[in-house]
Amino acid sequence: MPEATEGPTVLRILLGTQLRRLRESRRISAQAAAKAIRGSESKISRIELGRNAIREIDVLDLLTFYGVGPVEREQLLTLAEQANRPGWWHRFNDILPDWFQSYVGMEEAATSIRVYEPQFVPGLLQIPTYTAAVLAVCDIPLGEAERHVILRKERQRRFTEGRLKLWAIIEETALRRPVGSKEILRDQLRYLLSLSNRPNFTLQIIPAGMGGHAVPSGFTILRFAEPDLPDVAYLEHLTSALYFDKKSDVDRYLLAMERLSIVAAKPNHTPGILTAIIDEL
């Protein structure tokens, strides 16, 4: 059984994965499973993908329909109960869209994250004043912006405590973009410089003027300790996000990340690049 500390989002995905394996091992169609819980095939799909909270009565009905034994039944019902507990970010539900709540849940459970960012310093590396300036650019109301800053600080906790490995590749133009003011940017770059020797952090910078690459926008790849969970590639848009967990899709993004790491300056050059930009500011 996975640890409950992995967070409800990942526990829902694990539960859905195990329910799908049970159904497929018994050669039961999604349509037949849907009838067993008086639902639709799309509901079975959402359950098996871990997209939403799963009612324990639905899990019980499915386990009965699949003929699951008492020991495994008890384990999966316990997992269902844990998966329905709200995460710490639940108190921010009023300012977080559903599609981003899923990401925060996966971020909380990831053991390592790789991110490519062409526009801004990634959220997990932002200082509060820089975060506030980014939110202002995004037209977030002041009252909500203050809570978003708190939320982002809380999201950074696992990284700052050394429990999350982070590898970021950032375009140099993003590090020169004066978000808010030059003073805020200078403080942000000094913070990145202070992190450069952390064992759980790798930062590469793609120098301005470097040859082009075939990556049109920023993306994130999350990896988990649980072997049943595949890597997830995450792409964020203004009003929604895309999640890819099929191996063929994720492999394309892993390859893109590897190519970006080759184009970027080596990690040991990062302190010098940051220092030069700070001096120019």
C-alpha atoms as a PDB file:
ATOM      1  CA  MET A   1       0.000   0.000   0.000  1.00  0.00           C
ATOM      2  CA  PRO A   2       1.305   3.512  -0.774  1.00  0.00           C
ATOM      3  CA  GLU A   3       1.775   6.036   1.987  1.00  0.00           C
ATOM      4  CA  ALA A   4      -1.110   8.455   2.589  1.00  0.00           C
ATOM      5  CA  THR A   5       1.455  11.238   2.703  1.00  0.00           C
ATOM      6  CA  GLU A   6       1.780  10.948  -1.059  1.00  0.00           C
ATOM      7  CA  GLY A   7      -1.283  13.171  -1.359  1.00  0.00           C
ATOM      8  CA  PRO A   8      -4.857  12.568  -2.501  1.00  0.00           C
ATOM      9  CA  THR A   9      -4.270  13.317  -6.182  1.00  0.00           C
ATOM     10  CA  VAL A  10      -1.651  10.609  -6.577  1.00  0.00           C
ATOM     11  CA  LEU A  11      -3.619   8.193  -4.394  1.00  0.00           C
ATOM     12  CA  ARG A  12      -6.627   8.667  -6.697  1.00  0.00           C
ATOM     13  CA  ILE A  13      -4.449   7.907  -9.713  1.00  0.00           C
ATOM     14  CA  LEU A  14      -3.072   4.788  -8.017  1.00  0.00           C
ATOM     15  CA  LEU A  15      -6.554   3.623  -7.056  1.00  0.00           C
ATOM     16  CA  GLY A  16      -7.838   4.220 -10.580  1.00  0.00           C
ATOM     17  CA  THR A  17      -4.890   2.317 -12.058  1.00  0.00           C
ATOM     18  CA  GLN A  18      -5.543  -0.682  -9.825  1.00  0.00           C
ATOM     19  CA  LEU A  19      -9.277  -0.647 -10.582  1.00  0.00           C
ATOM     20  CA  ARG A  20      -8.535  -0.594 -14.308  1.00  0.00           C
ATOM     21  CA  ARG A  21      -6.149  -3.546 -13.972  1.00  0.00           C
ATOM     22  CA  LEU A  22      -8.764  -5.506 -12.038  1.00  0.00           C
ATOM     23  CA  ARG A  23     -11.385  -4.827 -14.709  1.00  0.00           C
ATOM     24  CA  GLU A  24      -9.103  -5.681 -17.618  1.00  0.00           C
ATOM     25  CA  SER A  25      -7.745  -8.839 -15.948  1.00  0.00           C
ATOM     26  CA  ARG A  26     -11.324 -10.091 -15.732  1.00  0.00           C
ATOM     27  CA  ARG A  27     -12.064  -9.005 -19.313  1.00  0.00           C
ATOM     28  CA  ILE A  28     -14.918  -6.779 -18.167  1.00  0.00           C
ATOM     29  CA  SER A  29     -15.856  -3.903 -20.476  1.00  0.00           C
ATOM     30  CA  ALA A  30     -16.044  -0.325 -19.288  1.00  0.00           C
ATOM     31  CA  GLN A  31     -19.713  -0.382 -20.269  1.00  0.00           C
ATOM     32  CA  ALA A  32     -20.420  -3.355 -17.985  1.00  0.00           C
ATOM     33  CA  ALA A  33     -18.478  -1.740 -15.132  1.00  0.00           C
ATOM     34  CA  ALA A  34     -20.464   1.460 -15.609  1.00  0.00           C
ATOM     35  CA  LYS A  35     -23.735  -0.465 -15.214  1.00  0.00           C
ATOM     36  CA  ALA A  36     -22.490  -1.920 -11.933  1.00  0.00           C
ATOM     37  CA  ILE A  37     -22.242   1.573 -10.442  1.00  0.00           C
ATOM     38  CA  ARG A  38     -25.260   2.979 -12.281  1.00  0.00           C
ATOM     39  CA  GLY A  39     -23.011   5.360 -14.190  1.00  0.00           C
ATOM     40  CA  SER A  40     -21.602   5.999 -17.640  1.00  0.00           C
ATOM     41  CA  GLU A  41     -18.484   4.832 -19.449  1.00  0.00           C
ATOM     42  CA  SER A  42     -17.090   8.347 -19.108  1.00  0.00           C
ATOM     43  CA  LYS A  43     -17.443   8.042 -15.332  1.00  0.00           C
ATOM     44  CA  ILE A  44     -15.467   4.796 -15.371  1.00  0.00           C
ATOM     45  CA  SER A  45     -12.828   6.570 -17.458  1.00  0.00           C
ATOM     46  CA  ARG A  46     -12.596   9.439 -14.953  1.00  0.00           C
ATOM     47  CA  ILE A  47     -12.330   6.962 -12.069  1.00  0.00           C
ATOM     48  CA  GLU A  48      -9.599   4.930 -13.739  1.00  0.00           C
ATOM     49  CA  LEU A  49      -7.631   8.052 -14.679  1.00  0.00           C
ATOM     50  CA  GLY A  50      -7.923   9.451 -11.143  1.00  0.00           C
ATOM     51  CA  ARG A  51      -9.348  12.713 -12.454  1.00  0.00           C
ATOM     52  CA  ASN A  52     -11.897  13.223  -9.667  1.00  0.00           C
ATOM     53  CA  ALA A  53     -12.631  12.131  -6.121  1.00  0.00           C
ATOM     54  CA  ILE A  54     -14.076   8.598  -6.127  1.00  0.00           C
ATOM     55  CA  ARG A  55     -17.111   7.751  -4.027  1.00  0.00           C
ATOM     56  CA  GLU A  56     -16.348   4.856  -1.708  1.00  0.00           C
ATOM     57  CA  ILE A  57     -19.705   3.242  -2.531  1.00  0.00           C
ATOM     58  CA  ASP A  58     -18.657   3.154  -6.214  1.00  0.00           C
ATOM     59  CA  VAL A  59     -15.370   1.502  -5.284  1.00  0.00           C
ATOM     60  CA  LEU A  60     -17.223  -1.044  -3.130  1.00  0.00           C
ATOM     61  CA  ASP A  61     -19.671  -1.855  -5.945  1.00  0.00           C
ATOM     62  CA  LEU A  62     -16.841  -2.272  -8.459  1.00  0.00           C
ATOM     63  CA  LEU A  63     -14.860  -4.531  -6.141  1.00  0.00           C
ATOM     64  CA  THR A  64     -17.937  -6.672  -5.582  1.00  0.00           C
ATOM     65  CA  PHE A  65     -18.612  -6.831  -9.325  1.00  0.00           C
ATOM     66  CA  TYR A  66     -14.974  -7.788  -9.988  1.00  0.00           C
ATOM     67  CA  GLY A  67     -15.087 -10.507  -7.305  1.00  0.00           C
ATOM     68  CA  VAL A  68     -12.154  -9.113  -5.320  1.00  0.00           C
ATOM     69  CA  GLY A  69     -11.148 -11.062  -2.191  1.00  0.00           C
ATOM     70  CA  PRO A  70     -11.471  -9.654   1.352  1.00  0.00           C
ATOM     71  CA  VAL A  71      -7.801  -8.738   1.902  1.00  0.00           C
ATOM     72  CA  GLU A  72      -7.385  -6.816  -1.366  1.00  0.00           C
ATOM     73  CA  ARG A  73     -10.857  -5.323  -0.931  1.00  0.00           C
ATOM     74  CA  GLU A  74      -9.900  -3.899   2.469  1.00  0.00           C
ATOM     75  CA  GLN A  75      -6.653  -2.455   1.082  1.00  0.00           C
ATOM     76  CA  LEU A  76      -8.399  -0.728  -1.821  1.00  0.00           C
ATOM     77  CA  LEU A  77     -11.209   0.638   0.351  1.00  0.00           C
ATOM     78  CA  THR A  78      -8.581   2.083   2.719  1.00  0.00           C
ATOM     79  CA  LEU A  79      -6.839   3.630  -0.288  1.00  0.00           C
ATOM     80  CA  ALA A  80     -10.171   5.088  -1.451  1.00  0.00           C
ATOM     81  CA  GLU A  81     -10.765   6.647   1.965  1.00  0.00           C
ATOM     82  CA  GLN A  82      -7.266   8.187   1.983  1.00  0.00           C
ATOM     83  CA  ALA A  83      -7.657   9.438  -1.595  1.00  0.00           C
ATOM     84  CA  ASN A  84     -10.771  11.382  -0.660  1.00  0.00           C
ATOM     85  CA  ARG A  85      -9.114  13.353   2.118  1.00  0.00           C
ATOM     86  CA  PRO A  86      -8.533  16.982   1.074  1.00  0.00           C
ATOM     87  CA  GLY A  87      -4.949  18.065   0.447  1.00  0.00           C
ATOM     88  CA  TRP A  88      -3.398  21.067   2.210  1.00  0.00           C
ATOM     89  CA  TRP A  89      -4.213  23.154  -0.889  1.00  0.00           C
ATOM     90  CA  HIS A  90      -7.943  22.576  -0.343  1.00  0.00           C
ATOM     91  CA  ARG A  91      -8.156  25.876   1.543  1.00  0.00           C
ATOM     92  CA  PHE A  92      -7.164  27.631  -1.707  1.00  0.00           C
ATOM     93  CA  ASN A  93      -9.916  25.980  -3.781  1.00  0.00           C
ATOM     94  CA  ASP A  94     -11.718  29.276  -4.273  1.00  0.00           C
ATOM     95  CA  ILE A  95      -8.780  30.756  -6.190  1.00  0.00           C
ATOM     96  CA  LEU A  96      -7.476  27.601  -7.884  1.00  0.00           C
ATOM     97  CA  PRO A  97      -9.115  26.238 -11.054  1.00  0.00           C
ATOM     98  CA  ASP A  98      -9.772  22.482 -11.032  1.00  0.00           C
ATOM     99  CA  TRP A  99      -7.178  21.812 -13.713  1.00  0.00           C
ATOM    100  CA  PHE A 100      -4.442  23.415 -11.616  1.00  0.00           C
ATOM    101  CA  GLN A 101      -5.496  21.702  -8.378  1.00  0.00           C
ATOM    102  CA  SER A 102      -4.638  18.413 -10.088  1.00  0.00           C
ATOM    103  CA  TYR A 103      -1.162  19.727 -10.881  1.00  0.00           C
ATOM    104  CA  VAL A 104      -0.531  20.933  -7.320  1.00  0.00           C
ATOM    105  CA  GLY A 105      -1.518  17.481  -6.078  1.00  0.00           C
ATOM    106  CA  MET A 106       0.929  15.766  -8.417  1.00  0.00           C
ATOM    107  CA  GLU A 107       3.654  18.313  -7.631  1.00  0.00           C
ATOM    108  CA  GLU A 108       3.200  17.531  -3.934  1.00  0.00           C
ATOM    109  CA  ALA A 109       3.837  13.825  -4.569  1.00  0.00           C
ATOM    110  CA  ALA A 110       6.631  14.068  -7.156  1.00  0.00           C
ATOM    111  CA  THR A 111      10.155  13.048  -6.215  1.00  0.00           C
ATOM    112  CA  SER A 112      11.720  14.968  -9.098  1.00  0.00           C
ATOM    113  CA  ILE A 113      10.579  17.681 -11.499  1.00  0.00           C
ATOM    114  CA  ARG A 114      12.204  18.918 -14.698  1.00  0.00           C
ATOM    115  CA  VAL A 115      10.940  22.201 -16.108  1.00  0.00           C
ATOM    116  CA  TYR A 116      11.663  24.293 -19.191  1.00  0.00           C
ATOM    117  CA  GLU A 117      10.608  27.946 -18.900  1.00  0.00           C
ATOM    118  CA  PRO A 118      11.034  30.518 -21.687  1.00  0.00           C
ATOM    119  CA  GLN A 119       9.103  33.432 -20.113  1.00  0.00           C
ATOM    120  CA  PHE A 120       9.564  33.671 -16.348  1.00  0.00           C
ATOM    121  CA  VAL A 121      11.488  32.155 -13.468  1.00  0.00           C
ATOM    122  CA  PRO A 122       9.609  28.908 -12.634  1.00  0.00           C
ATOM    123  CA  GLY A 123       7.100  29.158  -9.799  1.00  0.00           C
ATOM    124  CA  LEU A 124       8.988  26.809  -7.475  1.00  0.00           C
ATOM    125  CA  LEU A 125      11.972  29.189  -7.620  1.00  0.00           C
ATOM    126  CA  GLN A 126      10.219  32.556  -7.306  1.00  0.00           C
ATOM    127  CA  ILE A 127      10.679  34.943  -4.390  1.00  0.00           C
ATOM    128  CA  PRO A 128       7.440  36.529  -3.086  1.00  0.00           C
ATOM    129  CA  THR A 129       7.995  39.972  -4.659  1.00  0.00           C
ATOM    130  CA  TYR A 130       8.694  38.403  -8.048  1.00  0.00           C
ATOM    131  CA  THR A 131       5.578  36.204  -7.706  1.00  0.00           C
ATOM    132  CA  ALA A 132       3.472  39.268  -6.902  1.00  0.00           C
ATOM    133  CA  ALA A 133       4.850  41.076  -9.958  1.00  0.00           C
ATOM    134  CA  VAL A 134       4.069  38.099 -12.227  1.00  0.00           C
ATOM    135  CA  LEU A 135       0.541  37.900 -10.846  1.00  0.00           C
ATOM    136  CA  ALA A 136       0.056  41.613 -11.494  1.00  0.00           C
ATOM    137  CA  VAL A 137       1.002  41.062 -15.141  1.00  0.00           C
ATOM    138  CA  CYS A 138      -1.629  38.307 -15.255  1.00  0.00           C
ATOM    139  CA  ASP A 139      -4.340  40.692 -13.978  1.00  0.00           C
ATOM    140  CA  ILE A 140      -4.985  38.685 -10.795  1.00  0.00           C
ATOM    141  CA  PRO A 141      -7.064  40.777  -8.317  1.00  0.00           C
ATOM    142  CA  LEU A 142      -4.994  42.107  -5.403  1.00  0.00           C
ATOM    143  CA  GLY A 143      -6.971  40.175  -2.773  1.00  0.00           C
ATOM    144  CA  GLU A 144      -6.439  36.900  -4.606  1.00  0.00           C
ATOM    145  CA  ALA A 145      -2.829  37.717  -5.481  1.00  0.00           C
ATOM    146  CA  GLU A 146      -1.836  37.847  -1.811  1.00  0.00           C
ATOM    147  CA  ARG A 147      -3.186  34.319  -1.300  1.00  0.00           C
ATOM    148  CA  HIS A 148      -1.520  33.103  -4.503  1.00  0.00           C
ATOM    149  CA  VAL A 149       1.826  34.317  -3.117  1.00  0.00           C
ATOM    150  CA  ILE A 150       1.195  32.320   0.079  1.00  0.00           C
ATOM    151  CA  LEU A 151       0.177  29.287  -1.966  1.00  0.00           C
ATOM    152  CA  ARG A 152       3.305  29.449  -4.110  1.00  0.00           C
ATOM    153  CA  LYS A 153       5.484  29.724  -1.003  1.00  0.00           C
ATOM    154  CA  GLU A 154       3.806  26.624   0.411  1.00  0.00           C
ATOM    155  CA  ARG A 155       4.339  24.762  -2.872  1.00  0.00           C
ATOM    156  CA  GLN A 156       8.083  25.493  -2.569  1.00  0.00           C
ATOM    157  CA  ARG A 157       8.319  23.891   0.873  1.00  0.00           C
ATOM    158  CA  ARG A 158       9.330  20.385  -0.260  1.00  0.00           C
ATOM    159  CA  PHE A 159      12.047  21.783  -2.532  1.00  0.00           C
ATOM    160  CA  THR A 160      13.514  24.088   0.110  1.00  0.00           C
ATOM    161  CA  GLU A 161      13.492  21.198   2.598  1.00  0.00           C
ATOM    162  CA  GLY A 162      15.470  19.062   0.135  1.00  0.00           C
ATOM    163  CA  ARG A 163      12.702  16.499  -0.413  1.00  0.00           C
ATOM    164  CA  LEU A 164      12.186  17.335  -4.098  1.00  0.00           C
ATOM    165  CA  LYS A 165      14.814  17.284  -6.861  1.00  0.00           C
ATOM    166  CA  LEU A 166      14.404  20.125  -9.319  1.00  0.00           C
ATOM    167  CA  TRP A 167      16.121  20.587 -12.674  1.00  0.00           C
ATOM    168  CA  ALA A 168      15.219  23.851 -14.399  1.00  0.00           C
ATOM    169  CA  ILE A 169      16.205  25.078 -17.857  1.00  0.00           C
ATOM    170  CA  ILE A 170      15.470  28.791 -18.336  1.00  0.00           C
ATOM    171  CA  GLU A 171      15.946  31.075 -21.320  1.00  0.00           C
ATOM    172  CA  GLU A 172      18.359  33.935 -20.562  1.00  0.00           C
ATOM    173  CA  THR A 173      15.781  36.390 -21.932  1.00  0.00           C
ATOM    174  CA  ALA A 174      13.441  35.363 -19.106  1.00  0.00           C
ATOM    175  CA  LEU A 175      16.163  36.220 -16.581  1.00  0.00           C
ATOM    176  CA  ARG A 176      16.612  39.663 -18.122  1.00  0.00           C
ATOM    177  CA  ARG A 177      12.917  40.518 -18.303  1.00  0.00           C
ATOM    178  CA  PRO A 178      12.268  43.192 -15.609  1.00  0.00           C
ATOM    179  CA  VAL A 179       9.077  41.848 -14.064  1.00  0.00           C
ATOM    180  CA  GLY A 180       7.888  44.495 -11.606  1.00  0.00           C
ATOM    181  CA  SER A 181      11.174  46.386 -11.437  1.00  0.00           C
ATOM    182  CA  LYS A 182      14.908  45.917 -11.879  1.00  0.00           C
ATOM    183  CA  GLU A 183      15.277  45.735  -8.091  1.00  0.00           C
ATOM    184  CA  ILE A 184      12.839  42.831  -7.887  1.00  0.00           C
ATOM    185  CA  LEU A 185      14.587  41.062 -10.749  1.00  0.00           C
ATOM    186  CA  ARG A 186      17.986  41.595  -9.131  1.00  0.00           C
ATOM    187  CA  ASP A 187      16.726  40.094  -5.857  1.00  0.00           C
ATOM    188  CA  GLN A 188      15.261  37.159  -7.756  1.00  0.00           C
ATOM    189  CA  LEU A 189      18.529  36.448  -9.558  1.00  0.00           C
ATOM    190  CA  ARG A 190      20.470  36.687  -6.296  1.00  0.00           C
ATOM    191  CA  TYR A 191      18.125  34.091  -4.838  1.00  0.00           C
ATOM    192  CA  LEU A 192      18.762  31.767  -7.800  1.00  0.00           C
ATOM    193  CA  LEU A 193      22.488  32.290  -7.301  1.00  0.00           C
ATOM    194  CA  SER A 194      22.154  31.335  -3.635  1.00  0.00           C
ATOM    195  CA  LEU A 195      20.475  28.060  -4.647  1.00  0.00           C
ATOM    196  CA  SER A 196      23.077  27.055  -7.227  1.00  0.00           C
ATOM    197  CA  ASN A 197      25.051  24.786  -4.874  1.00  0.00           C
ATOM    198  CA  ARG A 198      22.076  22.877  -3.487  1.00  0.00           C
ATOM    199  CA  PRO A 199      22.427  19.108  -4.080  1.00  0.00           C
ATOM    200  CA  ASN A 200      18.768  18.770  -5.088  1.00  0.00           C
ATOM    201  CA  PHE A 201      18.891  21.560  -7.679  1.00  0.00           C
ATOM    202  CA  THR A 202      20.251  21.866 -11.203  1.00  0.00           C
ATOM    203  CA  LEU A 203      19.854  25.105 -13.145  1.00  0.00           C
ATOM    204  CA  GLN A 204      20.813  25.557 -16.783  1.00  0.00           C
ATOM    205  CA  ILE A 205      20.448  28.744 -18.793  1.00  0.00           C
ATOM    206  CA  ILE A 206      19.986  28.911 -22.564  1.00  0.00           C
ATOM    207  CA  PRO A 207      22.091  31.946 -23.593  1.00  0.00           C
ATOM    208  CA  ALA A 208      20.457  34.697 -25.621  1.00  0.00           C
ATOM    209  CA  GLY A 209      21.356  34.349 -29.285  1.00  0.00           C
ATOM    210  CA  MET A 210      21.766  30.572 -29.043  1.00  0.00           C
ATOM    211  CA  GLY A 211      20.521  28.668 -32.093  1.00  0.00           C
ATOM    212  CA  GLY A 212      16.852  27.777 -32.227  1.00  0.00           C
ATOM    213  CA  HIS A 213      15.266  24.584 -30.952  1.00  0.00           C
ATOM    214  CA  ALA A 214      12.014  22.790 -31.689  1.00  0.00           C
ATOM    215  CA  VAL A 215      10.272  23.449 -28.349  1.00  0.00           C
ATOM    216  CA  PRO A 216       7.487  26.022 -28.809  1.00  0.00           C
ATOM    217  CA  SER A 217       6.502  26.553 -25.154  1.00  0.00           C
ATOM    218  CA  GLY A 218       7.349  25.753 -21.578  1.00  0.00           C
ATOM    219  CA  PHE A 219       6.549  22.371 -20.031  1.00  0.00           C
ATOM    220  CA  THR A 220       7.133  20.293 -16.922  1.00  0.00           C
ATOM    221  CA  ILE A 221       7.886  16.602 -16.404  1.00  0.00           C
ATOM    222  CA  LEU A 222       7.022  15.041 -13.043  1.00  0.00           C
ATOM    223  CA  ARG A 223       8.401  11.742 -11.744  1.00  0.00           C
ATOM    224  CA  PHE A 224       7.101   9.768  -8.751  1.00  0.00           C
ATOM    225  CA  ALA A 225       8.505   7.190  -6.353  1.00  0.00           C
ATOM    226  CA  GLU A 226       5.544   4.841  -6.756  1.00  0.00           C
ATOM    227  CA  PRO A 227       6.450   2.341  -9.549  1.00  0.00           C
ATOM    228  CA  ASP A 228       2.823   2.090 -10.708  1.00  0.00           C
ATOM    229  CA  LEU A 229       2.783   5.794 -11.557  1.00  0.00           C
ATOM    230  CA  PRO A 230       4.145   6.842 -14.953  1.00  0.00           C
ATOM    231  CA  ASP A 231       5.980  10.111 -15.550  1.00  0.00           C
ATOM    232  CA  VAL A 232       3.618  12.968 -16.404  1.00  0.00           C
ATOM    233  CA  ALA A 233       4.272  15.809 -18.838  1.00  0.00           C
ATOM    234  CA  TYR A 234       2.345  18.972 -18.002  1.00  0.00           C
ATOM    235  CA  LEU A 235       1.640  21.915 -20.330  1.00  0.00           C
ATOM    236  CA  GLU A 236      -0.177  24.963 -19.008  1.00  0.00           C
ATOM    237  CA  HIS A 237      -2.345  27.372 -21.001  1.00  0.00           C
ATOM    238  CA  LEU A 238      -4.152  30.534 -19.942  1.00  0.00           C
ATOM    239  CA  THR A 239      -7.421  28.780 -19.122  1.00  0.00           C
ATOM    240  CA  SER A 240      -6.556  25.086 -19.008  1.00  0.00           C
ATOM    241  CA  ALA A 241      -3.741  22.553 -18.986  1.00  0.00           C
ATOM    242  CA  LEU A 242      -2.771  19.311 -20.713  1.00  0.00           C
ATOM    243  CA  TYR A 243      -1.506  16.211 -18.934  1.00  0.00           C
ATOM    244  CA  PHE A 244       0.309  13.444 -20.835  1.00  0.00           C
ATOM    245  CA  ASP A 245       1.114  10.119 -19.198  1.00  0.00           C
ATOM    246  CA  LYS A 246       1.300   7.762 -22.192  1.00  0.00           C
ATOM    247  CA  LYS A 247       4.876   6.562 -22.514  1.00  0.00           C
ATOM    248  CA  SER A 248       5.129   7.537 -26.185  1.00  0.00           C
ATOM    249  CA  ASP A 249       4.025  11.110 -25.397  1.00  0.00           C
ATOM    250  CA  VAL A 250       6.199  11.510 -22.313  1.00  0.00           C
ATOM    251  CA  ASP A 251       9.194  10.121 -24.180  1.00  0.00           C
ATOM    252  CA  ARG A 252       8.861  12.934 -26.734  1.00  0.00           C
ATOM    253  CA  TYR A 253       9.007  15.514 -23.966  1.00  0.00           C
ATOM    254  CA  LEU A 254      11.904  13.743 -22.263  1.00  0.00           C
ATOM    255  CA  LEU A 255      13.793  13.843 -25.556  1.00  0.00           C
ATOM    256  CA  ALA A 256      12.976  17.547 -25.956  1.00  0.00           C
ATOM    257  CA  MET A 257      14.254  18.198 -22.429  1.00  0.00           C
ATOM    258  CA  GLU A 258      17.473  16.327 -23.174  1.00  0.00           C
ATOM    259  CA  ARG A 259      18.013  18.385 -26.324  1.00  0.00           C
ATOM    260  CA  LEU A 260      17.366  21.595 -24.384  1.00  0.00           C
ATOM    261  CA  SER A 261      19.947  20.552 -21.790  1.00  0.00           C
ATOM    262  CA  ILE A 262      22.502  20.140 -24.594  1.00  0.00           C
ATOM    263  CA  VAL A 263      21.693  23.557 -26.092  1.00  0.00           C
ATOM    264  CA  ALA A 264      21.838  25.225 -22.662  1.00  0.00           C
ATOM    265  CA  ALA A 265      25.049  26.255 -20.932  1.00  0.00           C
ATOM    266  CA  LYS A 266      26.435  23.623 -18.577  1.00  0.00           C
ATOM    267  CA  PRO A 267      25.262  23.823 -14.940  1.00  0.00           C
ATOM    268  CA  ASN A 268      28.712  24.869 -13.700  1.00  0.00           C
ATOM    269  CA  HIS A 269      28.454  27.974 -15.908  1.00  0.00           C
ATOM    270  CA  THR A 270      25.206  29.068 -14.259  1.00  0.00           C
ATOM    271  CA  PRO A 271      26.715  31.098 -11.356  1.00  0.00           C
ATOM    272  CA  GLY A 272      28.862  33.094 -13.785  1.00  0.00           C
ATOM    273  CA  ILE A 273      25.927  33.869 -16.082  1.00  0.00           C
ATOM    274  CA  LEU A 274      23.729  34.939 -13.168  1.00  0.00           C
ATOM    275  CA  THR A 275      26.507  37.106 -11.713  1.00  0.00           C
ATOM    276  CA  ALA A 276      27.052  38.833 -15.059  1.00  0.00           C
ATOM    277  CA  ILE A 277      23.348  39.643 -15.429  1.00  0.00           C
ATOM    278  CA  ILE A 278      23.166  40.925 -11.827  1.00  0.00           C
ATOM    279  CA  ASP A 279      26.183  43.190 -12.419  1.00  0.00           C
ATOM    280  CA  GLU A 280      24.557  44.594 -15.562  1.00  0.00           C
ATOM    281  CA  LEU A 281      21.397  45.381 -13.613  1.00  0.00           C
END
